[in-house]
Protein backbone atom coordinates (compact mmCIF):
# COMPACT_ATOMS: atom_id res chain seq x y z
CA MET A 1 -25.58 14.05 -58.33
CA PRO A 2 -22.79 15.68 -56.28
CA MET A 3 -23.39 15.88 -52.58
CA THR A 4 -23.69 19.45 -51.41
CA HIS A 5 -21.87 20.36 -48.27
CA LYS A 6 -21.39 23.57 -46.39
CA PRO A 7 -17.98 24.92 -47.37
CA THR A 8 -15.55 25.28 -44.48
CA ILE A 9 -13.65 28.56 -44.36
CA LEU A 10 -10.50 29.05 -42.31
CA VAL A 11 -10.13 32.65 -41.08
CA VAL A 12 -6.60 33.61 -39.99
CA GLU A 13 -6.72 37.15 -38.59
CA ASP A 14 -4.98 38.45 -35.45
CA GLU A 15 -7.41 41.33 -34.84
CA GLU A 16 -10.06 39.59 -32.74
CA ASP A 17 -12.85 42.10 -33.51
CA LEU A 18 -12.31 41.82 -37.26
CA ARG A 19 -12.00 38.01 -37.09
CA ASP A 20 -15.30 37.89 -35.17
CA ILE A 21 -17.04 40.13 -37.75
CA ILE A 22 -15.75 38.01 -40.66
CA ILE A 23 -16.80 34.76 -38.95
CA TYR A 24 -20.21 36.17 -37.99
CA ASN A 25 -20.95 37.22 -41.58
CA LEU A 26 -19.71 33.93 -43.06
CA GLU A 27 -21.76 31.84 -40.64
CA ARG A 28 -24.85 33.97 -41.35
CA GLU A 29 -24.41 32.97 -45.00
CA GLY A 30 -24.30 29.28 -44.02
CA TYR A 31 -20.54 28.62 -44.10
CA LYS A 32 -18.73 26.60 -41.45
CA THR A 33 -15.79 28.58 -40.05
CA ILE A 34 -12.62 27.99 -38.08
CA GLY A 35 -10.78 31.04 -36.71
CA PHE A 36 -7.16 31.48 -35.66
CA GLU A 37 -4.97 34.43 -34.79
CA SER A 38 -1.47 33.17 -35.67
CA GLY A 39 0.11 32.13 -38.94
CA GLU A 40 1.44 28.86 -37.50
CA GLU A 41 -1.99 27.77 -36.25
CA GLY A 42 -3.60 28.77 -39.53
CA PHE A 43 -1.02 26.88 -41.57
CA GLU A 44 -1.34 23.73 -39.43
CA GLN A 45 -5.15 23.85 -39.68
CA ALA A 46 -5.01 24.37 -43.44
CA ILE A 47 -2.92 21.21 -43.78
CA SER A 48 -4.85 19.04 -41.29
CA GLU A 49 -8.44 20.21 -41.84
CA LYS A 50 -8.34 20.78 -45.62
CA PRO A 51 -10.83 23.70 -45.61
CA ASP A 52 -12.55 24.83 -48.82
CA LEU A 53 -11.15 28.37 -48.54
CA MET A 54 -8.75 30.40 -46.41
CA ILE A 55 -9.13 34.08 -45.55
CA LEU A 56 -5.66 35.21 -44.54
CA ASP A 57 -4.27 38.40 -42.99
CA LEU A 58 -0.67 39.22 -43.91
CA MET A 59 0.58 40.83 -40.70
CA LEU A 60 0.30 38.02 -38.16
CA PRO A 61 2.27 37.17 -35.02
CA GLY A 62 4.90 34.51 -35.71
CA MET A 63 4.64 33.20 -39.27
CA SER A 64 3.51 35.98 -41.61
CA GLY A 65 0.55 35.59 -43.93
CA MET A 66 2.94 35.75 -46.90
CA ASP A 67 4.88 32.77 -45.48
CA VAL A 68 1.64 30.86 -44.82
CA CYS A 69 0.49 31.49 -48.41
CA ARG A 70 3.90 30.58 -49.87
CA ASN A 71 4.15 27.35 -47.82
CA ILE A 72 0.65 26.23 -48.80
CA LYS A 73 1.02 27.05 -52.49
CA GLN A 74 4.55 25.65 -52.90
CA GLY A 75 5.08 22.81 -50.51
CA SER A 76 1.94 21.17 -49.26
CA ASP A 77 -0.47 18.66 -50.71
CA ASN A 78 -3.08 21.38 -50.28
CA GLN A 79 -1.79 23.64 -53.07
CA SER A 80 -5.23 24.04 -54.61
CA LEU A 81 -6.63 25.63 -51.42
CA PRO A 82 -8.12 28.97 -52.50
CA ILE A 83 -6.77 31.90 -50.46
CA ILE A 84 -8.21 35.39 -50.11
CA ILE A 85 -5.74 37.80 -48.51
CA VAL A 86 -7.18 40.57 -46.34
CA SER A 87 -4.59 43.14 -45.34
CA ALA A 88 -4.03 46.73 -44.28
CA LYS A 89 -1.20 46.63 -46.84
CA GLY A 90 -3.13 48.07 -49.75
CA GLU A 91 -0.30 49.34 -51.93
CA GLU A 92 -0.15 48.08 -55.49
CA ALA A 93 3.16 46.29 -54.83
CA ASP A 94 1.68 44.44 -51.82
CA ILE A 95 -1.36 43.31 -53.82
CA VAL A 96 0.80 42.14 -56.73
CA SER A 97 3.12 40.25 -54.33
CA GLY A 98 0.20 38.47 -52.69
CA LEU A 99 -1.36 37.46 -55.99
CA GLU A 100 2.00 36.31 -57.39
CA LEU A 101 2.48 34.08 -54.33
CA GLY A 102 -0.68 32.26 -55.37
CA ALA A 103 -3.50 34.06 -53.54
CA ASP A 104 -6.78 33.91 -55.46
CA ASP A 105 -7.91 37.38 -54.37
CA TYR A 106 -6.71 40.33 -52.30
CA LEU A 107 -8.86 42.70 -50.30
CA ALA A 108 -7.40 45.84 -48.67
CA LYS A 109 -8.67 46.81 -45.21
CA PRO A 110 -11.01 48.36 -44.36
CA PHE A 111 -13.52 46.46 -46.49
CA SER A 112 -17.24 45.85 -46.50
CA PRO A 113 -18.39 42.42 -45.25
CA ARG A 114 -20.74 42.27 -48.27
CA ILE A 115 -17.81 42.69 -50.67
CA LEU A 116 -15.87 39.98 -48.83
CA LEU A 117 -18.87 37.62 -49.05
CA ALA A 118 -19.22 38.29 -52.78
CA ARG A 119 -15.55 37.50 -53.30
CA VAL A 120 -15.82 34.35 -51.16
CA ARG A 121 -18.70 33.12 -53.34
CA THR A 122 -16.76 33.94 -56.53
CA VAL A 123 -13.56 32.17 -55.40
CA LEU A 124 -15.51 29.11 -54.20
CA ARG A 125 -17.41 28.94 -57.52
CA ARG A 126 -14.14 29.14 -59.46
CA SER A 127 -12.59 26.48 -57.22
CA GLU A 128 -15.59 24.13 -57.67
CA ARG A 129 -15.47 24.54 -61.47
CA LYS A 130 -11.74 23.81 -61.49
CA ALA A 131 -12.24 20.68 -59.35
CA ALA A 132 -15.07 19.47 -61.62
CA THR A 133 -12.93 20.02 -64.71
CA GLU A 134 -10.02 18.10 -63.17
CA GLU A 135 -12.38 15.28 -62.16
CA ASN A 136 -13.70 15.02 -65.72
CA GLU A 137 -10.13 14.90 -67.07
CA ASP A 138 -9.31 12.03 -64.70
CA THR A 139 -12.19 9.85 -65.92
């Protein structure tokens, strides 16, 4: 029987109030969280900590969220890390760009914490199914 663990979610958001709200709601649902405000810190944590999911803002100081997403999905050994983009950039072109870079979901700000939690659960479920399928193919 697989061991159940609390998924760890990396939250990379430069607006402290919003980051705190996201983290508060995730922790209330039983997730472990790590929060950062810059793209560089978020990228380094994603590589070193190997979280189960990343919630990523696009407009960050230093390395942009798009660059973080691109670097994770194209170059690292953590390419399967699910990413949900949260951004004030809600235009169709922005959403399409984020998804084409490899993000698993895209949520335009402002958003309801309940909707974010539902999407987190959905992306984690999808990620777990994909991992189980790959494990079965390896055996």
